[in-house]
């Protein structure tokens, strides 16, 4: 769920990977898996589906984005 929260906050796969201490490929795989499981057509659709189903709260995301 952290991955979705970061996506909803505007982070890209590389930024999410850095924040979660994962490889960018792992993050991309997580995103693709979530899209497939939820039937989302793209990342925007995935975020919308999750936000409409359950609010995503800030899960301790770093405030240092873009620095």
N, C-alpha and C. Protein backbone atom coordinates (compact mmCIF):
# COMPACT_ATOMS: atom_id res chain seq x y z
N UNK A 1 0.81 -1.18 0.00
CA UNK A 1 0.00 0.00 0.00
C UNK A 1 0.86 1.25 0.00
N UNK A 2 2.08 1.17 0.52
CA UNK A 2 2.98 2.32 0.50
C UNK A 2 3.24 2.79 -0.92
N UNK A 3 3.39 1.84 -1.83
CA UNK A 3 3.66 2.18 -3.22
C UNK A 3 2.54 3.05 -3.78
N UNK A 4 1.30 2.69 -3.51
CA UNK A 4 0.15 3.46 -3.99
C UNK A 4 0.16 4.86 -3.37
N UNK A 5 0.46 4.96 -2.10
CA UNK A 5 0.49 6.26 -1.43
C UNK A 5 1.52 7.17 -2.09
N UNK A 6 2.68 6.63 -2.39
CA UNK A 6 3.71 7.42 -3.06
C UNK A 6 3.28 7.81 -4.47
N UNK A 7 2.66 6.89 -5.20
CA UNK A 7 2.15 7.22 -6.54
C UNK A 7 1.13 8.35 -6.46
N UNK A 8 0.23 8.25 -5.51
CA UNK A 8 -0.80 9.27 -5.35
C UNK A 8 -0.20 10.62 -4.98
N UNK A 9 0.96 10.60 -4.34
CA UNK A 9 1.64 11.84 -3.97
C UNK A 9 2.48 12.40 -5.11
N UNK A 10 2.51 11.70 -6.24
CA UNK A 10 3.22 12.20 -7.41
C UNK A 10 4.62 11.66 -7.61
N UNK A 11 5.03 10.71 -6.82
CA UNK A 11 6.36 10.13 -6.95
C UNK A 11 6.40 9.19 -8.15
N UNK A 12 7.54 9.12 -8.81
CA UNK A 12 7.77 8.15 -9.87
C UNK A 12 8.42 6.91 -9.30
N UNK A 13 8.57 5.89 -10.14
CA UNK A 13 9.13 4.60 -9.69
C UNK A 13 10.52 4.76 -9.08
N UNK A 14 11.37 5.57 -9.70
CA UNK A 14 12.73 5.74 -9.17
C UNK A 14 12.72 6.43 -7.81
N UNK A 15 11.85 7.42 -7.66
CA UNK A 15 11.75 8.12 -6.37
C UNK A 15 11.19 7.19 -5.29
N UNK A 16 10.19 6.41 -5.66
CA UNK A 16 9.61 5.46 -4.71
C UNK A 16 10.66 4.45 -4.29
N UNK A 17 11.41 3.95 -5.25
CA UNK A 17 12.47 2.98 -4.96
C UNK A 17 13.46 3.55 -3.96
N UNK A 18 13.85 4.79 -4.18
CA UNK A 18 14.81 5.44 -3.28
C UNK A 18 14.23 5.56 -1.87
N UNK A 19 12.98 5.99 -1.78
CA UNK A 19 12.34 6.18 -0.47
C UNK A 19 12.15 4.86 0.28
N UNK A 20 11.82 3.81 -0.46
CA UNK A 20 11.55 2.50 0.18
C UNK A 20 12.76 1.58 0.20
N UNK A 21 13.90 2.09 -0.30
CA UNK A 21 15.12 1.31 -0.33
C UNK A 21 14.96 0.01 -1.13
N UNK A 22 14.35 0.15 -2.32
CA UNK A 22 14.13 -0.97 -3.23
C UNK A 22 14.73 -0.63 -4.58
N UNK A 23 14.82 -1.62 -5.45
CA UNK A 23 15.26 -1.34 -6.81
C UNK A 23 14.07 -0.76 -7.59
N UNK A 24 14.34 0.11 -8.57
CA UNK A 24 13.26 0.64 -9.39
C UNK A 24 12.46 -0.48 -10.07
N UNK A 25 13.13 -1.54 -10.46
CA UNK A 25 12.44 -2.66 -11.11
C UNK A 25 11.44 -3.32 -10.17
N UNK A 26 11.80 -3.44 -8.89
CA UNK A 26 10.88 -4.01 -7.90
C UNK A 26 9.63 -3.15 -7.79
N UNK A 27 9.82 -1.84 -7.75
CA UNK A 27 8.68 -0.93 -7.65
C UNK A 27 7.81 -1.05 -8.90
N UNK A 28 8.44 -1.07 -10.08
CA UNK A 28 7.68 -1.23 -11.32
C UNK A 28 6.89 -2.53 -11.32
N UNK A 29 7.50 -3.59 -10.81
CA UNK A 29 6.81 -4.88 -10.74
C UNK A 29 5.62 -4.80 -9.80
N UNK A 30 5.79 -4.15 -8.65
CA UNK A 30 4.68 -3.99 -7.71
C UNK A 30 3.52 -3.23 -8.36
N UNK A 31 3.85 -2.17 -9.08
CA UNK A 31 2.82 -1.37 -9.73
C UNK A 31 2.07 -2.21 -10.77
N UNK A 32 2.81 -2.95 -11.59
CA UNK A 32 2.18 -3.80 -12.61
C UNK A 32 1.31 -4.87 -11.96
N UNK A 33 1.77 -5.45 -10.87
CA UNK A 33 1.00 -6.48 -10.17
C UNK A 33 -0.30 -5.89 -9.62
N UNK A 34 -0.21 -4.71 -9.01
CA UNK A 34 -1.41 -4.05 -8.50
C UNK A 34 -2.39 -3.74 -9.62
N UNK A 35 -1.88 -3.22 -10.73
CA UNK A 35 -2.75 -2.93 -11.87
C UNK A 35 -3.46 -4.18 -12.36
N UNK A 36 -2.73 -5.26 -12.48
CA UNK A 36 -3.31 -6.51 -12.97
C UNK A 36 -4.36 -7.04 -11.98
N UNK A 37 -4.04 -7.06 -10.70
CA UNK A 37 -4.96 -7.60 -9.69
C UNK A 37 -6.24 -6.79 -9.58
N UNK A 38 -6.12 -5.48 -9.74
CA UNK A 38 -7.29 -4.62 -9.60
C UNK A 38 -7.98 -4.33 -10.92
N UNK A 39 -7.37 -4.73 -12.00
CA UNK A 39 -7.97 -4.51 -13.32
C UNK A 39 -7.84 -3.07 -13.79
N UNK A 40 -6.82 -2.37 -13.31
CA UNK A 40 -6.61 -0.97 -13.71
C UNK A 40 -5.94 -0.91 -15.07
N UNK A 41 -6.36 0.08 -15.87
CA UNK A 41 -5.80 0.24 -17.22
C UNK A 41 -4.45 0.93 -17.21
N UNK A 42 -4.23 1.80 -16.22
CA UNK A 42 -2.97 2.53 -16.12
C UNK A 42 -2.80 3.00 -14.68
N UNK A 43 -1.72 3.71 -14.41
CA UNK A 43 -1.44 4.13 -13.04
C UNK A 43 -2.51 5.10 -12.53
N UNK A 44 -2.94 6.01 -13.38
CA UNK A 44 -3.98 6.96 -12.97
C UNK A 44 -5.25 6.23 -12.56
N UNK A 45 -5.64 5.24 -13.35
CA UNK A 45 -6.82 4.43 -13.04
C UNK A 45 -6.61 3.67 -11.73
N UNK A 46 -5.43 3.13 -11.53
CA UNK A 46 -5.10 2.40 -10.30
C UNK A 46 -5.28 3.31 -9.08
N UNK A 47 -4.71 4.51 -9.15
CA UNK A 47 -4.82 5.45 -8.03
C UNK A 47 -6.27 5.81 -7.77
N UNK A 48 -7.01 6.08 -8.83
CA UNK A 48 -8.43 6.43 -8.68
C UNK A 48 -9.21 5.29 -8.03
N UNK A 49 -8.95 4.08 -8.47
CA UNK A 49 -9.66 2.92 -7.90
C UNK A 49 -9.38 2.80 -6.40
N UNK A 50 -8.14 2.96 -6.03
CA UNK A 50 -7.77 2.82 -4.62
C UNK A 50 -8.34 3.98 -3.80
N UNK A 51 -8.24 5.19 -4.32
CA UNK A 51 -8.77 6.34 -3.58
C UNK A 51 -10.28 6.26 -3.40
N UNK A 52 -10.99 5.76 -4.39
CA UNK A 52 -12.43 5.64 -4.27
C UNK A 52 -12.83 4.51 -3.33
N UNK A 53 -11.98 3.50 -3.24
CA UNK A 53 -12.27 2.35 -2.38
C UNK A 53 -11.91 2.63 -0.92
N UNK A 54 -10.78 3.29 -0.71
CA UNK A 54 -10.29 3.52 0.65
C UNK A 54 -9.31 4.67 0.60
N UNK A 55 -9.49 5.68 1.43
CA UNK A 55 -8.55 6.80 1.43
C UNK A 55 -7.13 6.35 1.74
N UNK A 56 -6.17 6.90 1.00
CA UNK A 56 -4.76 6.59 1.24
C UNK A 56 -4.22 7.67 2.16
N UNK A 57 -3.67 7.25 3.28
CA UNK A 57 -3.12 8.23 4.21
C UNK A 57 -1.62 8.30 4.07
N UNK A 58 -1.06 9.36 4.53
CA UNK A 58 0.38 9.56 4.47
C UNK A 58 1.03 8.50 5.33
N UNK A 59 1.87 7.68 4.72
CA UNK A 59 2.50 6.57 5.44
C UNK A 59 3.94 6.89 5.78
N UNK A 60 4.16 8.09 6.29
CA UNK A 60 5.51 8.47 6.69
C UNK A 60 6.39 8.86 5.54
N UNK A 61 5.80 9.31 4.46
CA UNK A 61 6.59 9.70 3.29
C UNK A 61 7.49 10.85 3.65
N UNK A 62 8.67 10.82 3.14
CA UNK A 62 9.67 11.85 3.38
C UNK A 62 9.22 13.19 2.83
N UNK A 63 9.53 14.24 3.53
CA UNK A 63 9.23 15.58 3.06
C UNK A 63 10.34 16.11 2.17
N UNK A 64 11.37 15.30 1.92
CA UNK A 64 12.53 15.75 1.16
C UNK A 64 12.39 15.51 -0.33
N UNK A 65 11.20 15.29 -0.81
CA UNK A 65 10.97 15.02 -2.24
C UNK A 65 11.50 16.16 -3.08
N UNK A 66 12.28 15.81 -4.10
CA UNK A 66 12.78 16.78 -5.03
C UNK A 66 14.05 17.47 -4.57
N UNK A 67 14.56 17.10 -3.45
CA UNK A 67 15.81 17.71 -2.96
C UNK A 67 16.99 16.85 -3.26
